[in-house]
Amino acid sequence: MTDLQPCNFFVLRYVPDAVKNEFVNVGLVLLPQAGGVELRFTRDWSRVKCLDPEADVEALEAVERDLREKLYAMNGDRDFILRKIQDSFSNALQPSEFTAVAAKSPAAEADLLARLYLETSRRRQPREIGIRQAVYQCMRQEFESAGVWRAMPQPIVASRYTRRGDPLRIDCGYPVNGFFKMFHALGLPNDVNGAKLLAFSFPELAAGMLRTEGKRAQLTAIVDDNLDRDDEHVGFALETLEQHEVHVAPLAQMAVIAATAAREIRIA
């Protein structure tokens, strides 16, 4: 372990619309405690074009060249680097929070993190779970950016607290101050049945958790930002969740949720 070098990294996000706050990861900066800055940028712009068909890829590639020169000139000054990014690129590129890692080789660690954060999975997802998978990935991304994803139990198997054969698995959660906060991505409007399963299962899950672990369960369903709440199926799903004390939060709130998790997990 003595060969491991403390480092910090952050992810650069392309945010074409500050109001919607939808983003795609396009770059990653790793700052070793000693040595040069490691910068990685995506080479696959398909996700950017999917989010923003009008995106100027050539301009983004020029940003990479400019940023590379600036980073090496700054020599690892974190606050100065963030100020320069915000001053130079306005809101089009936004940095995530810094996350600490330990690396034997900063260059190799940057390559590994770039594959995790920047590369598109080649495995196609079935159409019927596409929305849930997209919401799940965004939720996970925020928790990872806050540095807490690996510290959170996942998945949380409901049958441990309910009864044998219960198929429900909650995506993630963490204990804090006598509570167990849980989070689960939902693929509304397509997955109304998933919302019903979550809602009807939660009271028994909460009772079992209180009985076996002495913790009060809290569950938040994470949903897409652009739900049509006038749609009768969406309205039914949201009403059912709320009736069974399942909180509902859009993806736009994930940055705040992840930051709260990071603070609470550190305290716990």
Protein backbone atom coordinates (compact mmCIF):
# COMPACT_ATOMS: atom_id res chain seq x y z
CA MET A 1 0.00 0.00 0.00
CA THR A 2 2.97 2.35 0.49
CA ASP A 3 3.31 2.53 -3.31
CA LEU A 4 -0.12 4.10 -3.67
CA GLN A 5 -0.16 7.82 -4.39
CA PRO A 6 -3.02 10.03 -3.16
CA CYS A 7 -4.86 11.68 -6.06
CA ASN A 8 -8.02 13.67 -6.67
CA PHE A 9 -10.12 13.66 -9.81
CA PHE A 10 -13.17 15.38 -11.19
CA VAL A 11 -15.37 14.80 -14.22
CA LEU A 12 -16.14 17.45 -16.84
CA ARG A 13 -19.78 17.50 -17.90
CA TYR A 14 -21.21 18.99 -21.08
CA VAL A 15 -24.38 20.88 -20.07
CA PRO A 16 -26.10 22.40 -23.12
CA ASP A 17 -29.12 23.68 -21.18
CA ALA A 18 -28.53 25.05 -17.68
CA VAL A 19 -32.27 25.07 -16.93
CA LYS A 20 -32.81 21.36 -17.65
CA ASN A 21 -29.41 20.53 -16.10
CA GLU A 22 -29.03 17.45 -18.32
CA PHE A 23 -25.44 16.51 -18.96
CA VAL A 24 -23.02 14.08 -20.57
CA ASN A 25 -19.56 13.33 -19.20
CA VAL A 26 -16.95 14.38 -21.75
CA GLY A 27 -13.71 14.69 -19.81
CA LEU A 28 -11.84 13.67 -16.69
CA VAL A 29 -9.01 15.39 -14.82
CA LEU A 30 -6.84 13.49 -12.34
CA LEU A 31 -4.47 15.43 -10.06
CA PRO A 32 -1.74 13.38 -8.36
CA GLN A 33 -0.25 14.69 -5.13
CA ALA A 34 3.06 14.75 -6.96
CA GLY A 35 3.62 14.74 -10.70
CA GLY A 36 1.76 15.98 -13.75
CA VAL A 37 -1.95 16.35 -14.36
CA GLU A 38 -3.70 13.54 -16.26
CA LEU A 39 -6.42 14.65 -18.68
CA ARG A 40 -8.72 12.31 -20.58
CA PHE A 41 -11.43 13.29 -23.07
CA THR A 42 -14.06 11.21 -24.79
CA ARG A 43 -13.44 10.03 -28.34
CA ASP A 44 -17.06 8.99 -28.83
CA TRP A 45 -19.29 12.02 -29.27
CA SER A 46 -22.47 10.02 -29.93
CA ARG A 47 -23.85 10.61 -26.41
CA VAL A 48 -23.23 14.35 -26.76
CA LYS A 49 -25.05 14.41 -30.11
CA CYS A 50 -27.88 12.38 -28.62
CA LEU A 51 -28.34 14.93 -25.83
CA ASP A 52 -27.71 17.96 -28.05
CA PRO A 53 -28.01 17.39 -31.82
CA GLU A 54 -26.71 20.94 -32.36
CA ALA A 55 -23.54 20.37 -30.33
CA ASP A 56 -20.38 21.77 -31.95
CA VAL A 57 -18.01 18.81 -31.64
CA GLU A 58 -15.14 20.69 -33.26
CA ALA A 59 -15.45 23.42 -30.64
CA LEU A 60 -15.44 20.82 -27.87
CA GLU A 61 -12.31 19.23 -29.31
CA ALA A 62 -10.73 22.69 -29.36
CA VAL A 63 -11.71 23.08 -25.71
CA GLU A 64 -9.77 19.90 -24.95
CA ARG A 65 -6.60 21.31 -26.54
CA ASP A 66 -7.00 24.62 -24.71
CA LEU A 67 -7.75 22.89 -21.41
CA ARG A 68 -4.74 20.60 -21.73
CA GLU A 69 -2.43 23.61 -22.06
CA LYS A 70 -4.05 25.39 -19.12
CA LEU A 71 -3.96 22.36 -16.81
CA TYR A 72 -0.29 21.68 -17.33
CA ALA A 73 0.49 25.36 -16.75
CA MET A 74 -1.48 25.37 -13.47
CA ASN A 75 0.60 22.56 -11.93
CA GLY A 76 -2.16 20.98 -9.84
CA ASP A 77 -3.65 24.06 -8.11
CA ARG A 78 -7.19 22.74 -7.60
CA ASP A 79 -9.02 25.98 -6.79
CA PHE A 80 -7.27 27.83 -9.59
CA ILE A 81 -8.10 25.04 -12.04
CA LEU A 82 -11.82 25.17 -11.18
CA ARG A 83 -11.92 28.95 -11.47
CA LYS A 84 -10.20 28.81 -14.85
CA ILE A 85 -12.61 26.18 -16.17
CA GLN A 86 -15.63 28.19 -15.05
CA ASP A 87 -14.20 31.47 -16.37
CA SER A 88 -13.08 30.05 -19.70
CA PHE A 89 -15.95 27.74 -20.61
CA SER A 90 -18.93 29.38 -18.87
CA ASN A 91 -21.67 26.85 -18.07
CA ALA A 92 -21.19 24.68 -21.13
CA LEU A 93 -18.60 22.61 -19.25
CA GLN A 94 -19.21 22.01 -15.56
CA PRO A 95 -16.84 20.19 -13.18
CA SER A 96 -18.12 17.62 -10.70
CA GLU A 97 -16.95 17.60 -7.09
CA PHE A 98 -13.44 16.35 -6.41
CA THR A 99 -13.18 12.66 -5.49
CA ALA A 100 -10.18 11.14 -3.73
CA VAL A 101 -8.50 7.99 -5.07
CA ALA A 102 -5.23 6.21 -4.41
CA ALA A 103 -3.26 5.09 -7.44
CA LYS A 104 -0.08 3.15 -8.05
CA SER A 105 0.12 4.74 -11.50
CA PRO A 106 -1.80 8.01 -12.00
CA ALA A 107 -1.77 7.53 -15.78
CA ALA A 108 -3.20 4.00 -15.51
CA GLU A 109 -5.77 5.16 -12.94
CA ALA A 110 -6.85 7.99 -15.27
CA ASP A 111 -7.29 5.44 -18.08
CA LEU A 112 -9.42 3.24 -15.81
CA LEU A 113 -11.59 6.13 -14.62
CA ALA A 114 -12.01 7.35 -18.19
CA ARG A 115 -13.36 3.93 -19.22
CA LEU A 116 -15.79 4.06 -16.31
CA TYR A 117 -17.03 7.62 -16.74
CA LEU A 118 -16.55 8.44 -20.43
CA GLU A 119 -17.04 5.31 -22.50
CA THR A 120 -20.43 4.13 -23.74
CA SER A 121 -21.40 0.57 -22.95
CA ARG A 122 -21.64 -1.48 -26.14
CA ARG A 123 -24.30 -3.78 -24.69
CA ARG A 124 -27.75 -2.81 -25.86
CA GLN A 125 -30.47 -2.58 -23.25
CA PRO A 126 -33.91 -4.03 -23.95
CA ARG A 127 -36.38 -1.35 -25.01
CA GLU A 128 -38.74 -2.04 -22.13
CA ILE A 129 -36.13 -1.22 -19.47
CA GLY A 130 -34.47 1.59 -21.39
CA ILE A 131 -35.97 4.48 -19.37
CA ARG A 132 -35.27 2.90 -16.00
CA GLN A 133 -31.72 2.07 -17.06
CA ALA A 134 -31.12 5.66 -18.15
CA VAL A 135 -32.47 7.02 -14.85
CA TYR A 136 -30.43 4.46 -12.91
CA GLN A 137 -27.22 5.41 -14.73
CA CYS A 138 -27.75 9.11 -14.03
CA MET A 139 -28.51 8.38 -10.37
CA ARG A 140 -25.43 6.22 -10.04
CA GLN A 141 -23.31 8.83 -11.81
CA GLU A 142 -24.25 11.48 -9.26
CA PHE A 143 -23.49 9.18 -6.34
CA GLU A 144 -20.16 8.26 -7.96
CA SER A 145 -19.30 11.91 -8.53
CA ALA A 146 -20.01 12.56 -4.84
CA GLY A 147 -17.67 9.68 -3.96
CA VAL A 148 -20.25 7.59 -2.10
CA TRP A 149 -21.46 4.93 -4.56
CA ARG A 150 -19.02 2.27 -3.38
CA ALA A 151 -19.81 3.06 0.25
CA MET A 152 -23.52 2.35 -0.21
CA PRO A 153 -24.99 -1.17 0.20
CA GLN A 154 -26.39 -2.26 -3.19
CA PRO A 155 -28.69 -3.77 -4.06
CA ILE A 156 -30.83 -4.00 -0.93
CA VAL A 157 -32.65 -7.36 -1.07
CA ALA A 158 -36.20 -6.99 0.22
CA SER A 159 -36.59 -10.68 1.12
CA ARG A 160 -34.09 -10.17 3.94
CA TYR A 161 -36.74 -8.06 5.68
CA THR A 162 -40.03 -9.37 4.27
CA ARG A 163 -40.37 -13.02 3.31
CA ARG A 164 -38.65 -15.66 1.23
CA GLY A 165 -39.20 -15.25 -2.49
CA ASP A 166 -39.82 -11.48 -2.46
CA PRO A 167 -38.28 -10.39 -5.81
CA LEU A 168 -37.83 -6.71 -4.98
CA ARG A 169 -34.29 -5.30 -4.94
CA ILE A 170 -33.79 -1.63 -4.05
CA ASP A 171 -30.94 -0.05 -5.99
CA CYS A 172 -28.94 1.43 -3.10
CA GLY A 173 -29.06 3.11 0.30
CA TYR A 174 -27.19 3.91 3.49
CA PRO A 175 -27.82 4.01 7.25
CA VAL A 176 -27.66 7.30 9.16
CA ASN A 177 -28.89 8.39 12.61
CA GLY A 178 -31.35 5.55 13.15
CA PHE A 179 -32.68 5.70 9.60
CA PHE A 180 -31.91 3.72 6.46
CA LYS A 181 -32.25 5.93 3.38
CA MET A 182 -32.88 4.02 0.15
CA PHE A 183 -33.04 5.09 -3.49
CA HIS A 184 -34.53 3.32 -6.49
CA ALA A 185 -34.76 4.34 -10.16
CA LEU A 186 -38.13 4.05 -11.88
CA GLY A 187 -38.78 3.95 -15.61
CA LEU A 188 -41.96 6.01 -15.74
CA PRO A 189 -44.13 6.46 -17.72
CA ASN A 190 -43.60 2.92 -19.09
CA ASP A 191 -43.12 1.08 -15.81
CA VAL A 192 -46.32 1.73 -13.85
CA ASN A 193 -46.23 -1.86 -12.56
CA GLY A 194 -42.73 -1.26 -11.19
CA ALA A 195 -44.04 1.75 -9.30
CA LYS A 196 -46.93 -0.32 -7.89
CA LEU A 197 -44.55 -3.08 -6.78
CA LEU A 198 -42.32 -0.54 -5.05
CA ALA A 199 -45.24 1.21 -3.35
CA PHE A 200 -47.06 -1.91 -2.14
CA SER A 201 -43.84 -3.60 -0.99
CA PHE A 202 -42.40 -0.69 0.96
CA PRO A 203 -44.57 -0.82 4.12
CA GLU A 204 -43.69 -4.49 4.76
CA LEU A 205 -40.03 -3.80 3.96
CA ALA A 206 -40.00 -0.84 6.37
CA ALA A 207 -41.63 -2.89 9.14
CA GLY A 208 -39.11 -5.71 8.66
CA MET A 209 -36.15 -3.34 8.71
CA LEU A 210 -37.36 -1.71 11.92
CA ARG A 211 -37.90 -5.11 13.50
CA THR A 212 -34.57 -6.69 12.49
CA GLU A 213 -32.20 -3.73 12.50
CA GLY A 214 -33.97 -1.10 14.56
CA LYS A 215 -33.80 1.41 11.72
CA ARG A 216 -36.64 3.43 10.19
CA ALA A 217 -36.70 3.01 6.42
CA GLN A 218 -36.98 5.93 4.03
CA LEU A 219 -37.39 5.28 0.31
CA THR A 220 -37.03 7.76 -2.55
CA ALA A 221 -38.05 6.84 -6.09
CA ILE A 222 -35.90 8.65 -8.66
CA VAL A 223 -37.76 9.54 -11.86
CA ASP A 224 -37.08 11.31 -15.14
CA ASP A 225 -37.25 15.12 -15.12
CA ASN A 226 -39.68 15.38 -18.01
CA LEU A 227 -42.64 13.33 -16.81
CA ASP A 228 -46.04 14.42 -18.06
CA ARG A 229 -47.84 14.62 -14.73
CA ASP A 230 -51.15 15.12 -16.51
CA ASP A 231 -50.81 11.63 -18.00
CA GLU A 232 -53.26 9.37 -16.15
CA HIS A 233 -50.76 6.50 -15.84
CA VAL A 234 -48.04 8.77 -14.49
CA GLY A 235 -50.51 10.41 -12.13
CA PHE A 236 -51.66 7.03 -10.84
CA ALA A 237 -48.08 5.85 -10.26
CA LEU A 238 -47.03 9.02 -8.41
CA GLU A 239 -50.18 9.05 -6.29
CA THR A 240 -49.72 5.38 -5.38
CA LEU A 241 -46.11 5.94 -4.36
CA GLU A 242 -47.02 8.90 -2.17
CA GLN A 243 -49.92 7.05 -0.54
CA HIS A 244 -47.44 4.39 0.61
CA GLU A 245 -44.93 6.99 1.89
CA VAL A 246 -42.45 6.57 -0.95
CA HIS A 247 -40.89 9.94 -1.72
CA VAL A 248 -40.48 10.91 -5.38
CA ALA A 249 -37.58 13.00 -6.67
CA PRO A 250 -36.68 13.97 -10.26
CA LEU A 251 -33.16 13.55 -11.60
CA ALA A 252 -32.66 17.32 -11.31
CA GLN A 253 -32.49 16.84 -7.52
CA MET A 254 -29.85 14.10 -7.66
CA ALA A 255 -26.88 16.45 -7.20
CA VAL A 256 -28.37 17.69 -3.92
CA ILE A 257 -29.32 14.14 -2.84
CA ALA A 258 -25.80 12.88 -3.59
CA ALA A 259 -24.17 15.79 -1.75
CA THR A 260 -26.38 15.10 1.28
CA ALA A 261 -25.44 11.42 1.15
CA ALA A 262 -21.74 12.29 1.04
CA ARG A 263 -22.10 14.54 4.09
CA GLU A 264 -24.17 12.04 6.07
CA ILE A 265 -22.02 9.02 5.23
CA ARG A 266 -18.90 10.89 6.38
CA ILE A 267 -20.59 11.81 9.65
CA ALA A 268 -21.84 8.23 10.18
